[in-house]
Amino acid sequence: MKLYVGNLPWSTDDAALNALFSAHGTVESAVVISDRETGRSRGFGFVEMDQADARRAMSELNGHQLESRALKVNEANDKPKRTSNY
């Protein structure tokens, strides 16, 4: 299950995100999304875990304070497919 994690502090990197969620189960992947041009964090990321661990992490970490920021954790929605006008 893929989780969206929003309102991350700018200092959060992939390893810190992984460590935060590892306390709630086995993390398959944890990625903080960064700006392509500047390389700076965009303030959100994605974590993949099995469904039971993901649900537990979601309930425990949604609203959790990390560096004075309340995290937003919910199930990630797949990106809509782009349609071509051609």
C-alpha atoms as a PDB file:
ATOM      1  CA  MET A   1       0.000   0.000   0.000  1.00  0.00           C
ATOM      2  CA  LYS A   2       1.314   3.434  -0.923  1.00  0.00           C
ATOM      3  CA  LEU A   3       0.931   6.321   1.516  1.00  0.00           C
ATOM      4  CA  TYR A   4       1.116  10.040   0.797  1.00  0.00           C
ATOM      5  CA  VAL A   5       2.970  11.989   3.504  1.00  0.00           C
ATOM      6  CA  GLY A   6       2.462  15.740   3.352  1.00  0.00           C
ATOM      7  CA  ASN A   7       3.584  18.812   5.287  1.00  0.00           C
ATOM      8  CA  LEU A   8       7.075  17.388   5.805  1.00  0.00           C
ATOM      9  CA  PRO A   9       9.749  19.676   7.252  1.00  0.00           C
ATOM     10  CA  TRP A  10      12.160  20.836   4.514  1.00  0.00           C
ATOM     11  CA  SER A  11      15.019  19.027   6.288  1.00  0.00           C
ATOM     12  CA  THR A  12      13.394  15.581   5.943  1.00  0.00           C
ATOM     13  CA  ASP A  13      15.215  13.209   3.582  1.00  0.00           C
ATOM     14  CA  ASP A  14      14.483   9.653   2.417  1.00  0.00           C
ATOM     15  CA  ALA A  15      16.368   8.086   5.355  1.00  0.00           C
ATOM     16  CA  ALA A  16      14.517  10.180   7.953  1.00  0.00           C
ATOM     17  CA  LEU A  17      11.153   9.342   6.371  1.00  0.00           C
ATOM     18  CA  ASN A  18      12.073   5.643   6.341  1.00  0.00           C
ATOM     19  CA  ALA A  19      13.123   5.774  10.006  1.00  0.00           C
ATOM     20  CA  LEU A  20       9.884   7.502  11.042  1.00  0.00           C
ATOM     21  CA  PHE A  21       7.695   4.869   9.382  1.00  0.00           C
ATOM     22  CA  SER A  22       9.907   1.892  10.320  1.00  0.00           C
ATOM     23  CA  ALA A  23       8.675   2.251  13.901  1.00  0.00           C
ATOM     24  CA  HIS A  24       5.253   1.121  12.622  1.00  0.00           C
ATOM     25  CA  GLY A  25       6.240  -1.788  10.370  1.00  0.00           C
ATOM     26  CA  THR A  26       8.415  -2.840   7.466  1.00  0.00           C
ATOM     27  CA  VAL A  27       9.006  -0.069   4.938  1.00  0.00           C
ATOM     28  CA  GLU A  28       9.371  -1.228   1.323  1.00  0.00           C
ATOM     29  CA  SER A  29      10.297   2.255   0.079  1.00  0.00           C
ATOM     30  CA  ALA A  30      10.325   5.844   1.349  1.00  0.00           C
ATOM     31  CA  VAL A  31      10.928   8.778  -0.993  1.00  0.00           C
ATOM     32  CA  VAL A  32      10.811  12.515  -0.361  1.00  0.00           C
ATOM     33  CA  ILE A  33       9.912  14.336  -3.583  1.00  0.00           C
ATOM     34  CA  SER A  34      12.310  17.091  -4.564  1.00  0.00           C
ATOM     35  CA  ASP A  35      12.172  19.901  -7.073  1.00  0.00           C
ATOM     36  CA  ARG A  36      13.878  18.901 -10.337  1.00  0.00           C
ATOM     37  CA  GLU A  37      15.596  22.246 -10.802  1.00  0.00           C
ATOM     38  CA  THR A  38      16.670  23.151  -7.260  1.00  0.00           C
ATOM     39  CA  GLY A  39      16.907  19.704  -5.661  1.00  0.00           C
ATOM     40  CA  ARG A  40      15.080  21.120  -2.623  1.00  0.00           C
ATOM     41  CA  SER A  41      12.351  19.070  -0.922  1.00  0.00           C
ATOM     42  CA  ARG A  42       8.827  19.863  -2.079  1.00  0.00           C
ATOM     43  CA  GLY A  43       7.503  19.050   1.411  1.00  0.00           C
ATOM     44  CA  PHE A  44       5.865  15.721   0.644  1.00  0.00           C
ATOM     45  CA  GLY A  45       6.769  12.126  -0.047  1.00  0.00           C
ATOM     46  CA  PHE A  46       5.535   8.579  -0.434  1.00  0.00           C
ATOM     47  CA  VAL A  47       6.000   5.477   1.700  1.00  0.00           C
ATOM     48  CA  GLU A  48       5.176   1.915   0.657  1.00  0.00           C
ATOM     49  CA  MET A  49       4.353  -0.708   3.283  1.00  0.00           C
ATOM     50  CA  ASP A  50       2.159  -3.790   3.472  1.00  0.00           C
ATOM     51  CA  GLN A  51      -1.493  -2.954   4.044  1.00  0.00           C
ATOM     52  CA  ALA A  52      -1.709  -3.765   7.787  1.00  0.00           C
ATOM     53  CA  ASP A  53       1.469  -1.806   8.612  1.00  0.00           C
ATOM     54  CA  ALA A  54       0.388   1.089   6.371  1.00  0.00           C
ATOM     55  CA  ARG A  55      -2.994   1.390   8.057  1.00  0.00           C
ATOM     56  CA  ARG A  56      -1.356   1.329  11.500  1.00  0.00           C
ATOM     57  CA  ALA A  57       1.215   3.954  10.457  1.00  0.00           C
ATOM     58  CA  MET A  58      -1.510   6.118   8.920  1.00  0.00           C
ATOM     59  CA  SER A  59      -3.557   6.141  12.129  1.00  0.00           C
ATOM     60  CA  GLU A  60      -0.495   6.741  14.333  1.00  0.00           C
ATOM     61  CA  LEU A  61       1.283   9.379  12.216  1.00  0.00           C
ATOM     62  CA  ASN A  62      -1.524  11.456  10.687  1.00  0.00           C
ATOM     63  CA  GLY A  63      -1.349  14.727  12.652  1.00  0.00           C
ATOM     64  CA  HIS A  64       1.962  13.697  14.289  1.00  0.00           C
ATOM     65  CA  GLN A  65       4.197  16.705  15.031  1.00  0.00           C
ATOM     66  CA  LEU A  66       7.578  16.567  13.295  1.00  0.00           C
ATOM     67  CA  GLU A  67       9.713  19.677  13.791  1.00  0.00           C
ATOM     68  CA  SER A  68       6.564  21.651  14.714  1.00  0.00           C
ATOM     69  CA  ARG A  69       4.697  20.540  11.580  1.00  0.00           C
ATOM     70  CA  ALA A  70       1.589  18.345  11.689  1.00  0.00           C
ATOM     71  CA  LEU A  71       2.054  15.535   9.164  1.00  0.00           C
ATOM     72  CA  LYS A  72      -0.733  14.630   6.759  1.00  0.00           C
ATOM     73  CA  VAL A  73      -0.721  10.897   6.079  1.00  0.00           C
ATOM     74  CA  ASN A  74      -3.277   9.177   3.876  1.00  0.00           C
ATOM     75  CA  GLU A  75      -3.560   6.563   1.155  1.00  0.00           C
ATOM     76  CA  ALA A  76      -1.921   7.793  -2.037  1.00  0.00           C
ATOM     77  CA  ASN A  77      -4.075   8.157  -5.120  1.00  0.00           C
ATOM     78  CA  ASP A  78      -2.581   6.982  -8.375  1.00  0.00           C
ATOM     79  CA  LYS A  79      -1.723   9.764 -10.777  1.00  0.00           C
ATOM     80  CA  PRO A  80      -4.460  10.125 -13.392  1.00  0.00           C
ATOM     81  CA  LYS A  81      -3.433   8.926 -16.824  1.00  0.00           C
ATOM     82  CA  ARG A  82      -2.720  11.734 -19.264  1.00  0.00           C
ATOM     83  CA  THR A  83      -4.808  11.678 -22.365  1.00  0.00           C
ATOM     84  CA  SER A  84      -3.496  12.821 -25.681  1.00  0.00           C
ATOM     85  CA  ASN A  85      -5.387  15.239 -27.877  1.00  0.00           C
ATOM     86  CA  TYR A  86      -3.779  13.814 -31.002  1.00  0.00           C
END
